[in-house]
C-alpha atoms as a PDB file:
ATOM      1  CA  MET A   1      25.664  15.030 -10.953  1.00  0.00           C
ATOM      2  CA  THR A   2      26.653  13.115  -7.728  1.00  0.00           C
ATOM      3  CA  VAL A   3      25.795   9.526  -7.368  1.00  0.00           C
ATOM      4  CA  ILE A   4      25.752   6.983  -4.718  1.00  0.00           C
ATOM      5  CA  ARG A   5      24.190   3.342  -4.771  1.00  0.00           C
ATOM      6  CA  ALA A   6      21.893   2.610  -2.161  1.00  0.00           C
ATOM      7  CA  SER A   7      20.147  -0.994  -0.710  1.00  0.00           C
ATOM      8  CA  VAL A   8      17.529  -1.854   1.660  1.00  0.00           C
ATOM      9  CA  VAL A   9      17.937  -5.204   3.361  1.00  0.00           C
ATOM     10  CA  GLN A  10      14.462  -6.929   3.738  1.00  0.00           C
ATOM     11  CA  ALA A  11      15.112 -10.323   6.319  1.00  0.00           C
ATOM     12  CA  CYS A  12      14.241 -11.304   9.882  1.00  0.00           C
ATOM     13  CA  THR A  13      16.288 -12.466  12.900  1.00  0.00           C
ATOM     14  CA  ALA A  14      17.642 -15.713  13.378  1.00  0.00           C
ATOM     15  CA  ALA A  15      15.422 -16.035  16.281  1.00  0.00           C
ATOM     16  CA  PHE A  16      17.880 -16.126  19.943  1.00  0.00           C
ATOM     17  CA  SER A  17      21.264 -16.632  17.897  1.00  0.00           C
ATOM     18  CA  PHE A  18      23.334 -14.326  17.278  1.00  0.00           C
ATOM     19  CA  PRO A  19      25.942 -15.997  15.387  1.00  0.00           C
ATOM     20  CA  ASP A  20      23.187 -17.195  12.765  1.00  0.00           C
ATOM     21  CA  THR A  21      21.677 -13.547  12.597  1.00  0.00           C
ATOM     22  CA  LEU A  22      25.514 -12.237  12.289  1.00  0.00           C
ATOM     23  CA  ALA A  23      26.154 -14.671   9.435  1.00  0.00           C
ATOM     24  CA  LYS A  24      22.674 -13.174   7.856  1.00  0.00           C
ATOM     25  CA  LEU A  25      24.061  -9.853   8.362  1.00  0.00           C
ATOM     26  CA  ARG A  26      26.931 -10.822   6.339  1.00  0.00           C
ATOM     27  CA  ARG A  27      25.607 -12.693   3.247  1.00  0.00           C
ATOM     28  CA  LEU A  28      22.882  -9.902   2.562  1.00  0.00           C
ATOM     29  CA  ALA A  29      25.593  -7.444   3.235  1.00  0.00           C
ATOM     30  CA  SER A  30      27.673  -9.148   1.066  1.00  0.00           C
ATOM     31  CA  VAL A  31      24.584  -9.368  -1.517  1.00  0.00           C
ATOM     32  CA  ALA A  32      24.252  -5.373  -1.349  1.00  0.00           C
ATOM     33  CA  LYS A  33      28.182  -4.974  -1.808  1.00  0.00           C
ATOM     34  CA  ASP A  34      27.776  -7.094  -5.156  1.00  0.00           C
ATOM     35  CA  GLU A  35      24.976  -5.256  -6.229  1.00  0.00           C
ATOM     36  CA  GLY A  36      27.007  -1.718  -5.892  1.00  0.00           C
ATOM     37  CA  ALA A  37      25.738  -0.694  -2.842  1.00  0.00           C
ATOM     38  CA  GLN A  38      28.425   1.684  -0.412  1.00  0.00           C
ATOM     39  CA  LEU A  39      25.058   2.284   2.050  1.00  0.00           C
ATOM     40  CA  ALA A  40      22.897  -0.548   3.000  1.00  0.00           C
ATOM     41  CA  VAL A  41      19.799  -0.427   5.512  1.00  0.00           C
ATOM     42  CA  PHE A  42      18.471  -3.278   7.794  1.00  0.00           C
ATOM     43  CA  PRO A  43      15.199  -3.381   9.169  1.00  0.00           C
ATOM     44  CA  GLU A  44      13.802  -2.939  12.907  1.00  0.00           C
ATOM     45  CA  ALA A  45      15.190  -5.286  15.148  1.00  0.00           C
ATOM     46  CA  PHE A  46      17.263  -7.810  12.794  1.00  0.00           C
ATOM     47  CA  VAL A  47      19.064  -8.512  15.957  1.00  0.00           C
ATOM     48  CA  GLY A  48      17.856  -9.692  18.566  1.00  0.00           C
ATOM     49  CA  GLY A  49      14.195 -10.025  16.571  1.00  0.00           C
ATOM     50  CA  TYR A  50      10.724  -8.495  16.455  1.00  0.00           C
ATOM     51  CA  PRO A  51       8.676 -10.280  19.006  1.00  0.00           C
ATOM     52  CA  LYS A  52       5.437 -10.430  16.499  1.00  0.00           C
ATOM     53  CA  GLU A  53       2.813 -11.579  17.951  1.00  0.00           C
ATOM     54  CA  SER A  54       3.919 -12.541  21.412  1.00  0.00           C
ATOM     55  CA  THR A  55       1.955 -11.247  24.715  1.00  0.00           C
ATOM     56  CA  PHE A  56       5.015 -11.966  27.812  1.00  0.00           C
ATOM     57  CA  GLY A  57       2.010 -13.526  29.668  1.00  0.00           C
ATOM     58  CA  ALA A  58       0.696  -9.900  30.269  1.00  0.00           C
ATOM     59  CA  LYS A  59      -2.911  -8.586  30.925  1.00  0.00           C
ATOM     60  CA  VAL A  60      -3.704  -5.097  32.491  1.00  0.00           C
ATOM     61  CA  GLY A  61      -2.900  -6.474  36.444  1.00  0.00           C
ATOM     62  CA  THR A  62      -1.390  -9.647  36.022  1.00  0.00           C
ATOM     63  CA  ARG A  63       1.994 -11.236  34.233  1.00  0.00           C
ATOM     64  CA  THR A  64       2.488 -14.966  34.134  1.00  0.00           C
ATOM     65  CA  ASP A  65       5.865 -16.860  35.193  1.00  0.00           C
ATOM     66  CA  GLU A  66       5.941 -18.450  31.383  1.00  0.00           C
ATOM     67  CA  GLY A  67       5.667 -14.676  30.635  1.00  0.00           C
ATOM     68  CA  ARG A  68       8.463 -13.616  32.355  1.00  0.00           C
ATOM     69  CA  ASP A  69      10.958 -16.454  31.496  1.00  0.00           C
ATOM     70  CA  GLU A  70       9.967 -15.537  27.858  1.00  0.00           C
ATOM     71  CA  PHE A  71      11.303 -12.090  28.211  1.00  0.00           C
ATOM     72  CA  ALA A  72      14.683 -13.197  30.024  1.00  0.00           C
ATOM     73  CA  ARG A  73      15.529 -15.445  26.679  1.00  0.00           C
ATOM     74  CA  TYR A  74      14.587 -12.019  25.149  1.00  0.00           C
ATOM     75  CA  TYR A  75      16.530  -9.995  27.161  1.00  0.00           C
ATOM     76  CA  GLN A  76      19.701 -12.335  26.708  1.00  0.00           C
ATOM     77  CA  ALA A  77      19.474 -12.133  23.046  1.00  0.00           C
ATOM     78  CA  ALA A  78      19.831  -8.202  22.908  1.00  0.00           C
ATOM     79  CA  VAL A  79      23.022  -6.751  22.328  1.00  0.00           C
ATOM     80  CA  GLU A  80      25.205  -4.055  24.601  1.00  0.00           C
ATOM     81  CA  LEU A  81      26.805  -1.395  23.484  1.00  0.00           C
ATOM     82  CA  PRO A  82      29.431  -1.456  23.240  1.00  0.00           C
ATOM     83  CA  SER A  83      30.307  -5.395  23.402  1.00  0.00           C
ATOM     84  CA  PRO A  84      31.896  -8.273  21.485  1.00  0.00           C
ATOM     85  CA  GLU A  85      28.995  -8.206  19.452  1.00  0.00           C
ATOM     86  CA  LEU A  86      28.968  -5.172  18.086  1.00  0.00           C
ATOM     87  CA  THR A  87      33.016  -5.371  17.232  1.00  0.00           C
ATOM     88  CA  GLU A  88      32.117  -8.438  15.452  1.00  0.00           C
ATOM     89  CA  ILE A  89      29.332  -6.199  13.412  1.00  0.00           C
ATOM     90  CA  GLU A  90      31.953  -3.423  12.783  1.00  0.00           C
ATOM     91  CA  THR A  91      34.048  -6.261  11.322  1.00  0.00           C
ATOM     92  CA  VAL A  92      31.115  -7.798   9.288  1.00  0.00           C
ATOM     93  CA  ALA A  93      31.318  -3.578   7.874  1.00  0.00           C
ATOM     94  CA  ARG A  94      34.739  -3.491   7.552  1.00  0.00           C
ATOM     95  CA  GLU A  95      35.405  -7.029   5.657  1.00  0.00           C
ATOM     96  CA  VAL A  96      32.476  -6.501   3.215  1.00  0.00           C
ATOM     97  CA  GLY A  97      32.959  -2.499   2.678  1.00  0.00           C
ATOM     98  CA  ILE A  98      30.169  -1.223   3.467  1.00  0.00           C
ATOM     99  CA  PHE A  99      28.304   1.357   5.613  1.00  0.00           C
ATOM    100  CA  LEU A 100      25.283  -0.203   7.813  1.00  0.00           C
ATOM    101  CA  VAL A 101      22.278   1.414   9.156  1.00  0.00           C
ATOM    102  CA  LEU A 102      20.824  -1.775  11.557  1.00  0.00           C
ATOM    103  CA  GLY A 103      18.181  -2.285  13.885  1.00  0.00           C
ATOM    104  CA  VAL A 104      19.320  -3.659  17.009  1.00  0.00           C
ATOM    105  CA  ILE A 105      17.794  -4.521  20.046  1.00  0.00           C
ATOM    106  CA  GLU A 106      19.653  -3.130  22.814  1.00  0.00           C
ATOM    107  CA  ARG A 107      20.165  -4.018  26.358  1.00  0.00           C
ATOM    108  CA  ASP A 108      21.051  -0.984  28.580  1.00  0.00           C
ATOM    109  CA  LEU A 109      21.127  -2.635  32.267  1.00  0.00           C
ATOM    110  CA  GLY A 110      17.827  -3.895  32.955  1.00  0.00           C
ATOM    111  CA  THR A 111      16.000  -2.224  30.155  1.00  0.00           C
ATOM    112  CA  LEU A 112      15.573  -3.182  26.357  1.00  0.00           C
ATOM    113  CA  TYR A 113      15.354  -0.853  23.454  1.00  0.00           C
ATOM    114  CA  CYS A 114      14.655  -0.849  20.069  1.00  0.00           C
ATOM    115  CA  THR A 115      17.991   0.913  18.505  1.00  0.00           C
ATOM    116  CA  ALA A 116      19.008   1.939  14.773  1.00  0.00           C
ATOM    117  CA  ILE A 117      22.992   1.887  14.888  1.00  0.00           C
ATOM    118  CA  PHE A 118      25.289   3.201  12.273  1.00  0.00           C
ATOM    119  CA  VAL A 119      28.639   1.405  11.462  1.00  0.00           C
ATOM    120  CA  ASP A 120      31.000   2.827   8.787  1.00  0.00           C
ATOM    121  CA  PRO A 121      33.364   0.707   7.486  1.00  0.00           C
ATOM    122  CA  ILE A 122      36.056   2.310   7.984  1.00  0.00           C
ATOM    123  CA  GLU A 123      35.269   4.298  11.676  1.00  0.00           C
ATOM    124  CA  GLY A 124      33.049   1.191  12.794  1.00  0.00           C
ATOM    125  CA  PHE A 125      30.217   2.309  15.378  1.00  0.00           C
ATOM    126  CA  VAL A 126      29.669   6.079  14.870  1.00  0.00           C
ATOM    127  CA  ALA A 127      26.065   6.722  16.272  1.00  0.00           C
ATOM    128  CA  LYS A 128      23.142   5.118  17.457  1.00  0.00           C
ATOM    129  CA  HIS A 129      19.175   6.266  17.637  1.00  0.00           C
ATOM    130  CA  ARG A 130      17.134   4.931  20.130  1.00  0.00           C
ATOM    131  CA  LYS A 131      13.295   4.687  19.200  1.00  0.00           C
ATOM    132  CA  LEU A 132      11.928   7.286  21.033  1.00  0.00           C
ATOM    133  CA  MET A 133       8.238   6.054  21.822  1.00  0.00           C
ATOM    134  CA  PRO A 134       7.714   2.473  21.594  1.00  0.00           C
ATOM    135  CA  THR A 135       4.057   1.577  20.441  1.00  0.00           C
ATOM    136  CA  ALA A 136       1.189  -0.032  21.919  1.00  0.00           C
ATOM    137  CA  ALA A 137       2.458  -3.571  23.212  1.00  0.00           C
ATOM    138  CA  GLU A 138       6.177  -2.782  22.516  1.00  0.00           C
ATOM    139  CA  ARG A 139       6.170  -0.446  25.303  1.00  0.00           C
ATOM    140  CA  LEU A 140       5.869  -3.909  27.553  1.00  0.00           C
ATOM    141  CA  ILE A 141       9.105  -4.499  26.583  1.00  0.00           C
ATOM    142  CA  TRP A 142      11.263  -1.579  25.581  1.00  0.00           C
ATOM    143  CA  GLY A 143      12.260   1.522  27.123  1.00  0.00           C
ATOM    144  CA  GLN A 144      11.652   5.016  26.035  1.00  0.00           C
ATOM    145  CA  GLY A 145      14.683   6.716  24.054  1.00  0.00           C
ATOM    146  CA  GLY A 146      15.722  10.226  24.689  1.00  0.00           C
ATOM    147  CA  PRO A 147      17.003  13.412  22.903  1.00  0.00           C
ATOM    148  CA  ASP A 148      20.431  12.486  23.412  1.00  0.00           C
ATOM    149  CA  THR A 149      19.966   9.802  20.716  1.00  0.00           C
ATOM    150  CA  LEU A 150      18.451  11.588  17.459  1.00  0.00           C
ATOM    151  CA  ALA A 151      21.434  11.117  15.544  1.00  0.00           C
ATOM    152  CA  VAL A 152      22.353  13.093  12.199  1.00  0.00           C
ATOM    153  CA  VAL A 153      25.134  11.035  10.438  1.00  0.00           C
ATOM    154  CA  GLU A 154      27.585  12.840   7.963  1.00  0.00           C
ATOM    155  CA  LYS A 155      29.737  10.630   5.700  1.00  0.00           C
ATOM    156  CA  GLN A 156      31.437  11.165   2.897  1.00  0.00           C
ATOM    157  CA  PHE A 157      30.708   8.485  -0.206  1.00  0.00           C
ATOM    158  CA  ALA A 158      33.352   7.708  -2.674  1.00  0.00           C
ATOM    159  CA  PRO A 159      31.877   8.318  -6.576  1.00  0.00           C
ATOM    160  CA  ALA A 160      29.136   5.185  -7.410  1.00  0.00           C
ATOM    161  CA  VAL A 161      28.593   5.731 -11.000  1.00  0.00           C
ATOM    162  CA  GLY A 162      29.877   6.469 -14.593  1.00  0.00           C
ATOM    163  CA  ASN A 163      30.872  10.593 -14.610  1.00  0.00           C
ATOM    164  CA  ASN A 164      30.156  11.031 -11.099  1.00  0.00           C
ATOM    165  CA  GLU A 165      33.281  13.194 -10.512  1.00  0.00           C
ATOM    166  CA  LYS A 166      32.402  14.359  -7.027  1.00  0.00           C
ATOM    167  CA  PHE A 167      32.444  12.729  -3.577  1.00  0.00           C
ATOM    168  CA  ALA A 168      29.308  12.990  -2.112  1.00  0.00           C
ATOM    169  CA  LYS A 169      29.018  13.979   1.650  1.00  0.00           C
ATOM    170  CA  VAL A 170      25.381  13.393   3.091  1.00  0.00           C
ATOM    171  CA  LYS A 171      23.055  13.095   5.859  1.00  0.00           C
ATOM    172  CA  LEU A 172      21.896  10.148   7.118  1.00  0.00           C
ATOM    173  CA  THR A 173      19.505   9.410   9.696  1.00  0.00           C
ATOM    174  CA  ALA A 174      17.087   6.587  11.366  1.00  0.00           C
ATOM    175  CA  THR A 175      13.510   7.061  12.414  1.00  0.00           C
ATOM    176  CA  ILE A 176      12.288   3.605  13.348  1.00  0.00           C
ATOM    177  CA  CYS A 177       8.725   2.448  12.585  1.00  0.00           C
ATOM    178  CA  TRP A 178       5.647   4.244  13.770  1.00  0.00           C
ATOM    179  CA  GLU A 179       8.582   7.123  15.042  1.00  0.00           C
ATOM    180  CA  ASN A 180       7.644   8.419  11.431  1.00  0.00           C
ATOM    181  CA  TYR A 181       3.933   9.115  12.667  1.00  0.00           C
ATOM    182  CA  MET A 182       5.750  12.180  14.896  1.00  0.00           C
ATOM    183  CA  PRO A 183       5.335  15.333  13.040  1.00  0.00           C
ATOM    184  CA  LEU A 184       7.554  17.153  14.906  1.00  0.00           C
ATOM    185  CA  LEU A 185      10.507  15.002  15.112  1.00  0.00           C
ATOM    186  CA  ARG A 186       9.773  14.313  11.286  1.00  0.00           C
ATOM    187  CA  THR A 187      10.565  18.446  11.541  1.00  0.00           C
ATOM    188  CA  PHE A 188      13.378  18.073  13.947  1.00  0.00           C
ATOM    189  CA  TYR A 189      15.158  16.138  11.160  1.00  0.00           C
ATOM    190  CA  TYR A 190      14.524  17.580   8.354  1.00  0.00           C
ATOM    191  CA  SER A 191      16.058  21.124   9.969  1.00  0.00           C
ATOM    192  CA  LYS A 192      18.987  19.576  10.583  1.00  0.00           C
ATOM    193  CA  GLY A 193      19.439  18.856   6.785  1.00  0.00           C
ATOM    194  CA  THR A 194      18.974  14.712   6.653  1.00  0.00           C
ATOM    195  CA  GLN A 195      19.429  13.733   2.699  1.00  0.00           C
ATOM    196  CA  ILE A 196      19.049   9.922   3.339  1.00  0.00           C
ATOM    197  CA  TYR A 197      16.084   9.508   5.774  1.00  0.00           C
ATOM    198  CA  CYS A 198      16.595   5.813   6.979  1.00  0.00           C
ATOM    199  CA  ALA A 199      13.227   4.119   7.996  1.00  0.00           C
ATOM    200  CA  PRO A 200      13.289   0.291   9.867  1.00  0.00           C
ATOM    201  CA  THR A 201      10.455  -0.968  10.166  1.00  0.00           C
ATOM    202  CA  VAL A 202       8.430  -4.119  10.896  1.00  0.00           C
ATOM    203  CA  ASP A 203       4.849  -2.382   9.372  1.00  0.00           C
ATOM    204  CA  ALA A 204       4.028  -4.560   6.619  1.00  0.00           C
ATOM    205  CA  ARG A 205       0.280  -2.984   5.723  1.00  0.00           C
ATOM    206  CA  GLU A 206      -0.179  -0.788   2.569  1.00  0.00           C
ATOM    207  CA  THR A 207      -0.320   2.076   4.358  1.00  0.00           C
ATOM    208  CA  TRP A 208       3.018   1.917   5.067  1.00  0.00           C
ATOM    209  CA  GLN A 209       4.174   3.362   1.410  1.00  0.00           C
ATOM    210  CA  SER A 210       1.728   6.183   1.493  1.00  0.00           C
ATOM    211  CA  THR A 211       3.663   7.287   4.781  1.00  0.00           C
ATOM    212  CA  MET A 212       7.152   6.927   3.297  1.00  0.00           C
ATOM    213  CA  ARG A 213       5.713   8.434   0.031  1.00  0.00           C
ATOM    214  CA  HIS A 214       4.628  11.340   2.124  1.00  0.00           C
ATOM    215  CA  ILE A 215       7.768  11.942   3.661  1.00  0.00           C
ATOM    216  CA  ALA A 216      10.013  11.731   0.860  1.00  0.00           C
ATOM    217  CA  LEU A 217       7.791  14.603  -0.262  1.00  0.00           C
ATOM    218  CA  GLU A 218       7.379  16.637   2.625  1.00  0.00           C
ATOM    219  CA  GLY A 219      11.085  16.257   3.609  1.00  0.00           C
ATOM    220  CA  ARG A 220      12.226  16.240  -0.123  1.00  0.00           C
ATOM    221  CA  CYS A 221      14.682  13.697   1.140  1.00  0.00           C
ATOM    222  CA  PHE A 222      15.575  10.061   0.335  1.00  0.00           C
ATOM    223  CA  VAL A 223      13.675   7.567   1.907  1.00  0.00           C
ATOM    224  CA  LEU A 224      15.151   4.061   2.344  1.00  0.00           C
ATOM    225  CA  SER A 225      12.622   1.329   4.406  1.00  0.00           C
ATOM    226  CA  ALA A 226      13.780  -1.496   5.279  1.00  0.00           C
ATOM    227  CA  CYS A 227      10.979  -3.920   6.905  1.00  0.00           C
ATOM    228  CA  GLN A 228      11.261  -7.266   7.525  1.00  0.00           C
ATOM    229  CA  PHE A 229       9.964 -10.761   6.177  1.00  0.00           C
ATOM    230  CA  ALA A 230       9.506 -13.829   8.542  1.00  0.00           C
ATOM    231  CA  GLN A 231       7.146 -16.894   8.377  1.00  0.00           C
ATOM    232  CA  ARG A 232       6.284 -19.059  11.639  1.00  0.00           C
ATOM    233  CA  LYS A 233       8.925 -20.919  10.884  1.00  0.00           C
ATOM    234  CA  ASP A 234      11.521 -18.528  11.949  1.00  0.00           C
ATOM    235  CA  TYR A 235      10.204 -18.311  15.176  1.00  0.00           C
ATOM    236  CA  PRO A 236      10.769 -21.344  18.134  1.00  0.00           C
ATOM    237  CA  ALA A 237       7.848 -23.135  18.672  1.00  0.00           C
ATOM    238  CA  GLU A 238       7.806 -22.297  22.085  1.00  0.00           C
ATOM    239  CA  ARG A 239       7.448 -18.622  21.116  1.00  0.00           C
ATOM    240  CA  GLY A 240       4.373 -17.184  22.546  1.00  0.00           C
ATOM    241  CA  PHE A 241       1.517 -16.874  20.271  1.00  0.00           C
ATOM    242  CA  VAL A 242      -1.896 -17.111  20.692  1.00  0.00           C
ATOM    243  CA  GLU A 243      -2.830 -19.194  17.402  1.00  0.00           C
ATOM    244  CA  ASP A 244      -4.726 -21.935  16.258  1.00  0.00           C
ATOM    245  CA  ASP A 245      -3.963 -24.848  14.300  1.00  0.00           C
ATOM    246  CA  ALA A 246      -3.965 -23.510  10.854  1.00  0.00           C
ATOM    247  CA  SER A 247      -1.851 -20.051  12.428  1.00  0.00           C
ATOM    248  CA  ARG A 248       0.749 -22.942  13.013  1.00  0.00           C
ATOM    249  CA  ASP A 249       1.772 -24.007   9.342  1.00  0.00           C
ATOM    250  CA  PRO A 250       5.308 -22.879   9.305  1.00  0.00           C
ATOM    251  CA  GLU A 251       4.875 -21.117   6.125  1.00  0.00           C
ATOM    252  CA  ARG A 252       2.116 -18.614   7.473  1.00  0.00           C
ATOM    253  CA  VAL A 253       3.868 -15.312   7.048  1.00  0.00           C
ATOM    254  CA  VAL A 254       4.077 -13.495  10.261  1.00  0.00           C
ATOM    255  CA  ILE A 255       5.663 -10.262   8.568  1.00  0.00           C
ATOM    256  CA  ALA A 256       5.180  -9.756   5.245  1.00  0.00           C
ATOM    257  CA  GLY A 257       8.003  -7.122   3.819  1.00  0.00           C
ATOM    258  CA  GLY A 258       7.093  -3.760   1.967  1.00  0.00           C
ATOM    259  CA  SER A 259      10.843  -2.436   1.811  1.00  0.00           C
ATOM    260  CA  VAL A 260      11.013   0.302  -0.940  1.00  0.00           C
ATOM    261  CA  ILE A 261      13.378   3.377  -2.245  1.00  0.00           C
ATOM    262  CA  LEU A 262      12.216   6.494  -3.367  1.00  0.00           C
ATOM    263  CA  ASN A 263      13.447  10.048  -4.310  1.00  0.00           C
ATOM    264  CA  PRO A 264      13.288  13.476  -3.215  1.00  0.00           C
ATOM    265  CA  LEU A 265       9.842  13.641  -5.516  1.00  0.00           C
ATOM    266  CA  GLY A 266       8.143  10.726  -4.055  1.00  0.00           C
ATOM    267  CA  LYS A 267       8.908   8.284  -7.317  1.00  0.00           C
ATOM    268  CA  VAL A 268       9.799   4.807  -6.353  1.00  0.00           C
ATOM    269  CA  LEU A 269      13.271   3.963  -7.313  1.00  0.00           C
ATOM    270  CA  ALA A 270      12.978   0.412  -6.325  1.00  0.00           C
ATOM    271  CA  GLY A 271      10.290  -1.749  -4.374  1.00  0.00           C
ATOM    272  CA  PRO A 272       7.967  -1.916  -2.555  1.00  0.00           C
ATOM    273  CA  LEU A 273       9.372  -5.544  -1.912  1.00  0.00           C
ATOM    274  CA  LEU A 274       6.597  -8.287  -0.661  1.00  0.00           C
ATOM    275  CA  ASP A 275       6.386 -11.823   0.451  1.00  0.00           C
ATOM    276  CA  ARG A 276      10.046 -12.836   0.501  1.00  0.00           C
ATOM    277  CA  GLU A 277      13.605 -12.229   1.429  1.00  0.00           C
ATOM    278  CA  GLY A 278      16.059  -9.703  -0.707  1.00  0.00           C
ATOM    279  CA  VAL A 279      17.802  -6.834  -0.914  1.00  0.00           C
ATOM    280  CA  LEU A 280      16.600  -3.741  -3.071  1.00  0.00           C
ATOM    281  CA  THR A 281      19.107  -1.494  -4.838  1.00  0.00           C
ATOM    282  CA  ALA A 282      19.353   2.355  -6.744  1.00  0.00           C
ATOM    283  CA  ASP A 283      21.122   4.879  -7.261  1.00  0.00           C
ATOM    284  CA  LEU A 284      20.596   7.679  -5.355  1.00  0.00           C
ATOM    285  CA  ASP A 285      21.266  11.209  -7.730  1.00  0.00           C
ATOM    286  CA  LEU A 286      21.882  13.672  -4.863  1.00  0.00           C
ATOM    287  CA  ASP A 287      20.777  16.616  -7.265  1.00  0.00           C
ATOM    288  CA  ASP A 288      17.942  15.695  -7.014  1.00  0.00           C
ATOM    289  CA  ILE A 289      17.335  17.009  -3.649  1.00  0.00           C
ATOM    290  CA  ALA A 290      17.644  20.815  -4.791  1.00  0.00           C
ATOM    291  CA  ARG A 291      15.787  19.781  -7.915  1.00  0.00           C
ATOM    292  CA  GLY A 292      13.130  18.683  -4.840  1.00  0.00           C
ATOM    293  CA  LYS A 293      13.675  21.948  -3.023  1.00  0.00           C
ATOM    294  CA  PHE A 294      12.919  24.182  -5.723  1.00  0.00           C
ATOM    295  CA  ASP A 295       9.161  24.350  -4.690  1.00  0.00           C
ATOM    296  CA  LEU A 296       9.067  22.924  -1.413  1.00  0.00           C
ATOM    297  CA  ASP A 297      11.475  23.399   1.534  1.00  0.00           C
ATOM    298  CA  ALA A 298       8.909  22.382   4.699  1.00  0.00           C
ATOM    299  CA  VAL A 299      11.850  24.043   7.159  1.00  0.00           C
ATOM    300  CA  GLY A 300      13.029  26.816   4.711  1.00  0.00           C
ATOM    301  CA  HIS A 301      11.340  29.269   1.954  1.00  0.00           C
ATOM    302  CA  TYR A 302       7.779  26.975   2.637  1.00  0.00           C
ATOM    303  CA  ALA A 303       8.003  27.454   6.221  1.00  0.00           C
ATOM    304  CA  ARG A 304       6.216  30.763   6.661  1.00  0.00           C
ATOM    305  CA  SER A 305       7.426  31.070  10.429  1.00  0.00           C
ATOM    306  CA  ASP A 306       6.206  34.408  10.771  1.00  0.00           C
ATOM    307  CA  SER A 307       2.808  33.389  10.860  1.00  0.00           C
ATOM    308  CA  GLY A 308       2.768  30.667  14.023  1.00  0.00           C
ATOM    309  CA  SER A 309       5.582  28.153  15.082  1.00  0.00           C
ATOM    310  CA  LEU A 310       6.034  25.109  17.539  1.00  0.00           C
ATOM    311  CA  PRO A 311       8.879  24.761  18.715  1.00  0.00           C
ATOM    312  CA  VAL A 312      10.941  22.126  16.581  1.00  0.00           C
ATOM    313  CA  SER A 313      14.398  21.480  19.659  1.00  0.00           C
ATOM    314  CA  TYR A 314      15.389  18.907  22.150  1.00  0.00           C
ATOM    315  CA  SER A 315      17.401  19.208  24.749  1.00  0.00           C
ATOM    316  CA  GLY A 316      20.896  17.829  24.600  1.00  0.00           C
ATOM    317  CA  VAL A 317      20.658  17.994  20.648  1.00  0.00           C
END
């Protein structure tokens, strides 16, 4: 038996404040560590924020000055890679002693990207993945990621529990929110041998649970999905919401969560967590991957590429 212990963290950004968000990162990473986790996955856009319901003053063919001002503030809240902010995130990983997969809004010249970063407690920042296709109105504020950031990170973890005598060398990937509905992207990661498939998101709908369960079964991998939980009070009063008096209630849930951990046969190991901030932790028995591939390997013995295939490769990877 080769077991590692992993957590998913359900929380939102401290809006427009990197120091406060960093403090939240440290606090919640420490909770995961106290539960024995060696790996913690944080939601999409945890650093920099997810501007749920915001319009940025845009309609087809028109933009407002107020919307441009809002984007400028959002732009300033993003982080560059590398940067002093990244160094502080590395410090959290090192001092807490935990591997982080963390959603950030990345600033690169004049463009923002929705990015997941991999931060090792010893080596620091080791890789990033930029969301390939922002969804719907996200395309107004984020650029498209490229194939040069389809990261597959190998990490060796020390034994986590009991008679677990083997060091666990695993392959980790991150697929952000609705990228998970891109079949060829999923297949690409399966073909690279992903074992811990991380899915940072802000999708709190019930249908997301079906998606995560399907991916666990299809890829015969562990799926760790971390979603934000956010209420109206977590956003500044001047945010560009379109809202009536009732929706200004500070307790109104804007993003409801649904973080979950599943094994390679689609069994729920922890969660889904709804309607509150929190940390879920579970033991991942890596032998379950082989148990699952006994009867289904989507890129191996179950592929039947002789009966027709599509190319699943990306230039630069």
